Amino acid sequence: MARKKILMERIQDDKQRRIIFKKRRLGLLKKAIEISKLSDCIVHMKIYNKEDHSLMEFFTNDRNELDTIDKNSSILSAYIKFAS
């Protein structure tokens, strides 16, 4: 079953916009971790939300620091607190 197509326009409902932002921000973090692990590259990512002045920053200095990351890791848990 295919997913519903999403229109790329600003979401008018404030609550829905915040929820989607926080979910997608975590999705981007997971993708940054994956690309760093898979391609052995250094990633630096910053996401700033001007509405609540929150900043999420992620960077890797060394590939070895990401070897132990899974969905229950403390590194990922530190970023998940921004989603709530």
PDB file of N, CA and C in Angstrom:
ATOM      1  N   MET A   1       0.832  -1.174   0.000  1.00  0.00           N
ATOM      2  CA  MET A   1       0.000   0.000   0.000  1.00  0.00           C
ATOM      3  C   MET A   1       0.882   1.243   0.000  1.00  0.00           C
ATOM      4  N   ALA A   2       0.615   2.182  -0.885  1.00  0.00           N
ATOM      5  CA  ALA A   2       1.422   3.387  -1.030  1.00  0.00           C
ATOM      6  C   ALA A   2       1.079   4.415   0.039  1.00  0.00           C
ATOM      7  N   ARG A   3       2.056   5.237   0.348  1.00  0.00           N
ATOM      8  CA  ARG A   3       1.827   6.306   1.312  1.00  0.00           C
ATOM      9  C   ARG A   3       1.125   7.477   0.637  1.00  0.00           C
ATOM     10  N   LYS A   4       0.462   8.269   1.452  1.00  0.00           N
ATOM     11  CA  LYS A   4      -0.238   9.444   0.946  1.00  0.00           C
ATOM     12  C   LYS A   4       0.781  10.499   0.513  1.00  0.00           C
ATOM     13  N   LYS A   5       0.550  11.121  -0.620  1.00  0.00           N
ATOM     14  CA  LYS A   5       1.449  12.140  -1.117  1.00  0.00           C
ATOM     15  C   LYS A   5       1.326  13.394  -0.254  1.00  0.00           C
ATOM     16  N   ILE A   6       2.468  13.961   0.113  1.00  0.00           N
ATOM     17  CA  ILE A   6       2.500  15.129   0.980  1.00  0.00           C
ATOM     18  C   ILE A   6       2.740  16.369   0.139  1.00  0.00           C
ATOM     19  N   LEU A   7       1.911  17.368   0.335  1.00  0.00           N
ATOM     20  CA  LEU A   7       2.106  18.641  -0.348  1.00  0.00           C
ATOM     21  C   LEU A   7       3.235  19.403   0.343  1.00  0.00           C
ATOM     22  N   MET A   8       4.135  19.955  -0.444  1.00  0.00           N
ATOM     23  CA  MET A   8       5.254  20.701   0.112  1.00  0.00           C
ATOM     24  C   MET A   8       4.872  22.172   0.234  1.00  0.00           C
ATOM     25  N   GLU A   9       4.123  22.449   1.281  1.00  0.00           N
ATOM     26  CA  GLU A   9       3.739  23.815   1.589  1.00  0.00           C
ATOM     27  C   GLU A   9       3.671  23.948   3.106  1.00  0.00           C
ATOM     28  N   ARG A  10       3.705  25.183   3.580  1.00  0.00           N
ATOM     29  CA  ARG A  10       3.700  25.431   5.019  1.00  0.00           C
ATOM     30  C   ARG A  10       2.414  24.894   5.646  1.00  0.00           C
ATOM     31  N   ILE A  11       2.566  24.230   6.782  1.00  0.00           N
ATOM     32  CA  ILE A  11       1.419  23.693   7.513  1.00  0.00           C
ATOM     33  C   ILE A  11       0.853  24.830   8.358  1.00  0.00           C
ATOM     34  N   GLN A  12      -0.422  25.114   8.193  1.00  0.00           N
ATOM     35  CA  GLN A  12      -1.035  26.256   8.854  1.00  0.00           C
ATOM     36  C   GLN A  12      -1.316  26.002  10.336  1.00  0.00           C
ATOM     37  N   ASP A  13      -1.689  24.804  10.695  1.00  0.00           N
ATOM     38  CA  ASP A  13      -2.007  24.468  12.076  1.00  0.00           C
ATOM     39  C   ASP A  13      -0.721  24.413  12.907  1.00  0.00           C
ATOM     40  N   ASP A  14      -0.622  25.281  13.931  1.00  0.00           N
ATOM     41  CA  ASP A  14       0.604  25.375  14.729  1.00  0.00           C
ATOM     42  C   ASP A  14       0.967  24.062  15.415  1.00  0.00           C
ATOM     43  N   LYS A  15      -0.009  23.424  16.016  1.00  0.00           N
ATOM     44  CA  LYS A  15       0.256  22.181  16.737  1.00  0.00           C
ATOM     45  C   LYS A  15       0.746  21.089  15.791  1.00  0.00           C
ATOM     46  N   GLN A  16       0.081  20.942  14.663  1.00  0.00           N
ATOM     47  CA  GLN A  16       0.470  19.928  13.678  1.00  0.00           C
ATOM     48  C   GLN A  16       1.856  20.226  13.108  1.00  0.00           C
ATOM     49  N   ARG A  17       2.165  21.508  12.889  1.00  0.00           N
ATOM     50  CA  ARG A  17       3.475  21.905  12.353  1.00  0.00           C
ATOM     51  C   ARG A  17       4.581  21.551  13.337  1.00  0.00           C
ATOM     52  N   ARG A  18       4.368  21.796  14.641  1.00  0.00           N
ATOM     53  CA  ARG A  18       5.372  21.448  15.657  1.00  0.00           C
ATOM     54  C   ARG A  18       5.601  19.948  15.734  1.00  0.00           C
ATOM     55  N   ILE A  19       4.516  19.181  15.685  1.00  0.00           N
ATOM     56  CA  ILE A  19       4.629  17.720  15.755  1.00  0.00           C
ATOM     57  C   ILE A  19       5.428  17.189  14.563  1.00  0.00           C
ATOM     58  N   ILE A  20       5.090  17.641  13.382  1.00  0.00           N
ATOM     59  CA  ILE A  20       5.788  17.176  12.176  1.00  0.00           C
ATOM     60  C   ILE A  20       7.239  17.604  12.185  1.00  0.00           C
ATOM     61  N   PHE A  21       7.511  18.830  12.646  1.00  0.00           N
ATOM     62  CA  PHE A  21       8.888  19.313  12.712  1.00  0.00           C
ATOM     63  C   PHE A  21       9.730  18.423  13.617  1.00  0.00           C
ATOM     64  N   LYS A  22       9.208  18.107  14.793  1.00  0.00           N
ATOM     65  CA  LYS A  22       9.983  17.314  15.748  1.00  0.00           C
ATOM     66  C   LYS A  22      10.211  15.892  15.253  1.00  0.00           C
ATOM     67  N   LYS A  23       9.211  15.308  14.603  1.00  0.00           N
ATOM     68  CA  LYS A  23       9.381  13.961  14.054  1.00  0.00           C
ATOM     69  C   LYS A  23      10.395  13.950  12.919  1.00  0.00           C
ATOM     70  N   ARG A  24      10.290  14.921  12.025  1.00  0.00           N
ATOM     71  CA  ARG A  24      11.214  14.957  10.886  1.00  0.00           C
ATOM     72  C   ARG A  24      12.631  15.310  11.314  1.00  0.00           C
ATOM     73  N   ARG A  25      12.761  16.115  12.369  1.00  0.00           N
ATOM     74  CA  ARG A  25      14.083  16.455  12.875  1.00  0.00           C
ATOM     75  C   ARG A  25      14.785  15.200  13.371  1.00  0.00           C
ATOM     76  N   LEU A  26      14.078  14.326  14.073  1.00  0.00           N
ATOM     77  CA  LEU A  26      14.672  13.060  14.512  1.00  0.00           C
ATOM     78  C   LEU A  26      15.000  12.160  13.332  1.00  0.00           C
ATOM     79  N   GLY A  27      14.143  12.187  12.303  1.00  0.00           N
ATOM     80  CA  GLY A  27      14.416  11.415  11.096  1.00  0.00           C
ATOM     81  C   GLY A  27      15.698  11.867  10.423  1.00  0.00           C
ATOM     82  N   LEU A  28      15.911  13.187  10.369  1.00  0.00           N
ATOM     83  CA  LEU A  28      17.151  13.714   9.790  1.00  0.00           C
ATOM     84  C   LEU A  28      18.374  13.297  10.608  1.00  0.00           C
ATOM     85  N   LEU A  29      18.221  13.304  11.924  1.00  0.00           N
ATOM     86  CA  LEU A  29      19.329  12.876  12.778  1.00  0.00           C
ATOM     87  C   LEU A  29      19.688  11.422  12.512  1.00  0.00           C
ATOM     88  N   LYS A  30      18.694  10.577  12.405  1.00  0.00           N
ATOM     89  CA  LYS A  30      18.947   9.166  12.120  1.00  0.00           C
ATOM     90  C   LYS A  30      19.640   8.993  10.772  1.00  0.00           C
ATOM     91  N   LYS A  31      19.201   9.753   9.780  1.00  0.00           N
ATOM     92  CA  LYS A  31      19.832   9.665   8.457  1.00  0.00           C
ATOM     93  C   LYS A  31      21.271  10.164   8.497  1.00  0.00           C
ATOM     94  N   ALA A  32      21.543  11.201   9.276  1.00  0.00           N
ATOM     95  CA  ALA A  32      22.910  11.713   9.397  1.00  0.00           C
ATOM     96  C   ALA A  32      23.821  10.658  10.031  1.00  0.00           C
ATOM     97  N   ILE A  33      23.296   9.975  11.046  1.00  0.00           N
ATOM     98  CA  ILE A  33      24.076   8.904  11.685  1.00  0.00           C
ATOM     99  C   ILE A  33      24.331   7.777  10.699  1.00  0.00           C
ATOM    100  N   GLU A  34      23.298   7.400   9.943  1.00  0.00           N
ATOM    101  CA  GLU A  34      23.447   6.316   8.962  1.00  0.00           C
ATOM    102  C   GLU A  34      24.477   6.661   7.892  1.00  0.00           C
ATOM    103  N   ILE A  35      24.393   7.858   7.326  1.00  0.00           N
ATOM    104  CA  ILE A  35      25.323   8.201   6.239  1.00  0.00           C
ATOM    105  C   ILE A  35      26.749   8.297   6.764  1.00  0.00           C
ATOM    106  N   SER A  36      26.912   8.720   7.999  1.00  0.00           N
ATOM    107  CA  SER A  36      28.243   8.778   8.583  1.00  0.00           C
ATOM    108  C   SER A  36      28.817   7.378   8.772  1.00  0.00           C
ATOM    109  N   LYS A  37      27.983   6.447   9.228  1.00  0.00           N
ATOM    110  CA  LYS A  37      28.445   5.076   9.434  1.00  0.00           C
ATOM    111  C   LYS A  37      28.711   4.356   8.115  1.00  0.00           C
ATOM    112  N   LEU A  38      27.799   4.529   7.161  1.00  0.00           N
ATOM    113  CA  LEU A  38      27.897   3.770   5.911  1.00  0.00           C
ATOM    114  C   LEU A  38      29.003   4.261   4.988  1.00  0.00           C
ATOM    115  N   SER A  39      29.217   5.571   4.941  1.00  0.00           N
ATOM    116  CA  SER A  39      30.183   6.096   3.978  1.00  0.00           C
ATOM    117  C   SER A  39      31.469   6.584   4.629  1.00  0.00           C
ATOM    118  N   ASP A  40      31.597   6.370   5.941  1.00  0.00           N
ATOM    119  CA  ASP A  40      32.813   6.745   6.655  1.00  0.00           C
ATOM    120  C   ASP A  40      33.164   8.210   6.435  1.00  0.00           C
ATOM    121  N   CYS A  41      32.176   9.063   6.610  1.00  0.00           N
ATOM    122  CA  CYS A  41      32.400  10.495   6.415  1.00  0.00           C
ATOM    123  C   CYS A  41      32.095  11.235   7.712  1.00  0.00           C
ATOM    124  N   ILE A  42      32.540  12.477   7.760  1.00  0.00           N
ATOM    125  CA  ILE A  42      32.275  13.327   8.907  1.00  0.00           C
ATOM    126  C   ILE A  42      31.035  14.146   8.598  1.00  0.00           C
ATOM    127  N   VAL A  43      30.092  14.157   9.520  1.00  0.00           N
ATOM    128  CA  VAL A  43      28.829  14.868   9.334  1.00  0.00           C
ATOM    129  C   VAL A  43      28.730  15.971  10.380  1.00  0.00           C
ATOM    130  N   HIS A  44      28.305  17.142   9.944  1.00  0.00           N
ATOM    131  CA  HIS A  44      28.001  18.237  10.858  1.00  0.00           C
ATOM    132  C   HIS A  44      26.636  18.769  10.454  1.00  0.00           C
ATOM    133  N   MET A  45      25.704  18.720  11.397  1.00  0.00           N
ATOM    134  CA  MET A  45      24.334  19.112  11.085  1.00  0.00           C
ATOM    135  C   MET A  45      23.806  20.004  12.197  1.00  0.00           C
ATOM    136  N   LYS A  46      23.163  21.116  11.813  1.00  0.00           N
ATOM    137  CA  LYS A  46      22.498  22.001  12.764  1.00  0.00           C
ATOM    138  C   LYS A  46      21.083  22.237  12.265  1.00  0.00           C
ATOM    139  N   ILE A  47      20.133  22.141  13.187  1.00  0.00           N
ATOM    140  CA  ILE A  47      18.743  22.440  12.866  1.00  0.00           C
ATOM    141  C   ILE A  47      18.248  23.420  13.911  1.00  0.00           C
ATOM    142  N   TYR A  48      17.830  24.586  13.458  1.00  0.00           N
ATOM    143  CA  TYR A  48      17.363  25.640  14.358  1.00  0.00           C
ATOM    144  C   TYR A  48      15.901  25.937  14.069  1.00  0.00           C
ATOM    145  N   ASN A  49      15.114  26.009  15.112  1.00  0.00           N
ATOM    146  CA  ASN A  49      13.707  26.356  14.979  1.00  0.00           C
ATOM    147  C   ASN A  49      13.505  27.739  15.568  1.00  0.00           C
ATOM    148  N   LYS A  50      13.133  28.694  14.737  1.00  0.00           N
ATOM    149  CA  LYS A  50      12.997  30.069  15.220  1.00  0.00           C
ATOM    150  C   LYS A  50      11.756  30.263  16.082  1.00  0.00           C
ATOM    151  N   GLU A  51      10.774  29.376  15.976  1.00  0.00           N
ATOM    152  CA  GLU A  51       9.557  29.533  16.773  1.00  0.00           C
ATOM    153  C   GLU A  51       9.796  29.261  18.249  1.00  0.00           C
ATOM    154  N   ASP A  52      10.526  28.189  18.578  1.00  0.00           N
ATOM    155  CA  ASP A  52      10.795  27.907  19.991  1.00  0.00           C
ATOM    156  C   ASP A  52      12.275  28.066  20.349  1.00  0.00           C
ATOM    157  N   HIS A  53      13.061  28.611  19.427  1.00  0.00           N
ATOM    158  CA  HIS A  53      14.481  28.903  19.627  1.00  0.00           C
ATOM    159  C   HIS A  53      15.272  27.670  20.054  1.00  0.00           C
ATOM    160  N   SER A  54      14.906  26.529  19.501  1.00  0.00           N
ATOM    161  CA  SER A  54      15.635  25.304  19.823  1.00  0.00           C
ATOM    162  C   SER A  54      16.679  25.035  18.744  1.00  0.00           C
ATOM    163  N   LEU A  55      17.807  24.551  19.183  1.00  0.00           N
ATOM    164  CA  LEU A  55      18.899  24.212  18.286  1.00  0.00           C
ATOM    165  C   LEU A  55      19.308  22.778  18.556  1.00  0.00           C
ATOM    166  N   MET A  56      19.338  21.975  17.501  1.00  0.00           N
ATOM    167  CA  MET A  56      19.848  20.621  17.599  1.00  0.00           C
ATOM    168  C   MET A  56      21.105  20.562  16.744  1.00  0.00           C
ATOM    169  N   GLU A  57      22.189  20.146  17.340  1.00  0.00           N
ATOM    170  CA  GLU A  57      23.462  20.092  16.640  1.00  0.00           C
ATOM    171  C   GLU A  57      24.013  18.682  16.756  1.00  0.00           C
ATOM    172  N   PHE A  58      24.478  18.153  15.636  1.00  0.00           N
ATOM    173  CA  PHE A  58      25.063  16.826  15.610  1.00  0.00           C
ATOM    174  C   PHE A  58      26.311  16.862  14.741  1.00  0.00           C
ATOM    175  N   PHE A  59      27.397  16.301  15.236  1.00  0.00           N
ATOM    176  CA  PHE A  59      28.592  16.195  14.407  1.00  0.00           C
ATOM    177  C   PHE A  59      29.388  14.975  14.831  1.00  0.00           C
ATOM    178  N   THR A  60      30.141  14.456  13.894  1.00  0.00           N
ATOM    179  CA  THR A  60      31.003  13.314  14.178  1.00  0.00           C
ATOM    180  C   THR A  60      32.444  13.743  13.957  1.00  0.00           C
ATOM    181  N   ASN A  61      33.283  13.360  14.867  1.00  0.00           N
ATOM    182  CA  ASN A  61      34.710  13.604  14.714  1.00  0.00           C
ATOM    183  C   ASN A  61      35.422  12.349  14.237  1.00  0.00           C
ATOM    184  N   ASP A  62      34.852  11.220  14.639  1.00  0.00           N
ATOM    185  CA  ASP A  62      35.512   9.947  14.378  1.00  0.00           C
ATOM    186  C   ASP A  62      34.456   8.891  14.102  1.00  0.00           C
ATOM    187  N   ARG A  63      34.690   8.052  13.128  1.00  0.00           N
ATOM    188  CA  ARG A  63      33.741   7.005  12.769  1.00  0.00           C
ATOM    189  C   ARG A  63      33.526   6.026  13.922  1.00  0.00           C
ATOM    190  N   ASN A  64      34.540   5.799  14.732  1.00  0.00           N
ATOM    191  CA  ASN A  64      34.439   4.822  15.811  1.00  0.00           C
ATOM    192  C   ASN A  64      33.417   5.212  16.881  1.00  0.00           C
ATOM    193  N   GLU A  65      33.163   6.505  17.039  1.00  0.00           N
ATOM    194  CA  GLU A  65      32.207   6.907  18.072  1.00  0.00           C
ATOM    195  C   GLU A  65      30.775   6.540  17.695  1.00  0.00           C
ATOM    196  N   LEU A  66      30.530   6.195  16.435  1.00  0.00           N
ATOM    197  CA  LEU A  66      29.194   5.836  15.989  1.00  0.00           C
ATOM    198  C   LEU A  66      28.971   4.332  15.906  1.00  0.00           C
ATOM    199  N   ASP A  67      29.987   3.552  16.168  1.00  0.00           N
ATOM    200  CA  ASP A  67      29.863   2.105  16.013  1.00  0.00           C
ATOM    201  C   ASP A  67      28.852   1.476  16.963  1.00  0.00           C
ATOM    202  N   THR A  68      28.608   2.107  18.092  1.00  0.00           N
ATOM    203  CA  THR A  68      27.719   1.515  19.080  1.00  0.00           C
ATOM    204  C   THR A  68      26.318   2.120  19.067  1.00  0.00           C
ATOM    205  N   ILE A  69      25.997   2.957  18.093  1.00  0.00           N
ATOM    206  CA  ILE A  69      24.686   3.604  18.064  1.00  0.00           C
ATOM    207  C   ILE A  69      23.636   2.647  17.518  1.00  0.00           C
ATOM    208  N   ASP A  70      22.589   2.461  18.294  1.00  0.00           N
ATOM    209  CA  ASP A  70      21.400   1.768  17.840  1.00  0.00           C
ATOM    210  C   ASP A  70      20.211   2.545  18.394  1.00  0.00           C
ATOM    211  N   LYS A  71      19.011   2.021  18.254  1.00  0.00           N
ATOM    212  CA  LYS A  71      17.842   2.793  18.657  1.00  0.00           C
ATOM    213  C   LYS A  71      17.746   2.992  20.172  1.00  0.00           C
ATOM    214  N   ASN A  72      18.500   2.254  20.957  1.00  0.00           N
ATOM    215  CA  ASN A  72      18.470   2.392  22.413  1.00  0.00           C
ATOM    216  C   ASN A  72      19.718   3.071  22.967  1.00  0.00           C
ATOM    217  N   SER A  73      20.565   3.616  22.109  1.00  0.00           N
ATOM    218  CA  SER A  73      21.825   4.178  22.578  1.00  0.00           C
ATOM    219  C   SER A  73      21.620   5.501  23.310  1.00  0.00           C
ATOM    220  N   SER A  74      22.566   5.814  24.160  1.00  0.00           N
ATOM    221  CA  SER A  74      22.478   7.057  24.931  1.00  0.00           C
ATOM    222  C   SER A  74      22.689   8.276  24.046  1.00  0.00           C
ATOM    223  N   ILE A  75      23.455   8.148  22.971  1.00  0.00           N
ATOM    224  CA  ILE A  75      23.673   9.274  22.059  1.00  0.00           C
ATOM    225  C   ILE A  75      22.367   9.667  21.397  1.00  0.00           C
ATOM    226  N   LEU A  76      21.633   8.690  20.913  1.00  0.00           N
ATOM    227  CA  LEU A  76      20.353   8.970  20.276  1.00  0.00           C
ATOM    228  C   LEU A  76      19.329   9.428  21.302  1.00  0.00           C
ATOM    229  N   SER A  77      19.371   8.887  22.490  1.00  0.00           N
ATOM    230  CA  SER A  77      18.434   9.282  23.548  1.00  0.00           C
ATOM    231  C   SER A  77      18.609  10.740  23.921  1.00  0.00           C
ATOM    232  N   ALA A  78      19.830  11.238  23.851  1.00  0.00           N
ATOM    233  CA  ALA A  78      20.081  12.641  24.165  1.00  0.00           C
ATOM    234  C   ALA A  78      19.369  13.559  23.182  1.00  0.00           C
ATOM    235  N   TYR A  79      19.225  13.130  21.948  1.00  0.00           N
ATOM    236  CA  TYR A  79      18.550  13.940  20.942  1.00  0.00           C
ATOM    237  C   TYR A  79      17.038  13.742  20.970  1.00  0.00           C
ATOM    238  N   ILE A  80      16.584  12.611  21.436  1.00  0.00           N
ATOM    239  CA  ILE A  80      15.147  12.330  21.457  1.00  0.00           C
ATOM    240  C   ILE A  80      14.431  13.252  22.440  1.00  0.00           C
ATOM    241  N   LYS A  81      15.135  13.750  23.445  1.00  0.00           N
ATOM    242  CA  LYS A  81      14.493  14.653  24.400  1.00  0.00           C
ATOM    243  C   LYS A  81      13.972  15.910  23.715  1.00  0.00           C
ATOM    244  N   PHE A  82      14.535  16.274  22.558  1.00  0.00           N
ATOM    245  CA  PHE A  82      14.058  17.436  21.821  1.00  0.00           C
ATOM    246  C   PHE A  82      12.724  17.172  21.144  1.00  0.00           C
ATOM    247  N   ALA A  83      12.349  15.924  21.002  1.00  0.00           N
ATOM    248  CA  ALA A  83      11.115  15.582  20.300  1.00  0.00           C
ATOM    249  C   ALA A  83       9.897  15.684  21.197  1.00  0.00           C
ATOM    250  N   SER A  84      10.104  15.728  22.473  1.00  0.00           N
ATOM    251  CA  SER A  84       8.940  15.765  23.369  1.00  0.00           C
ATOM    252  C   SER A  84       8.567  17.171  23.763  1.00  0.00           C
TER     253      SER A  84
END
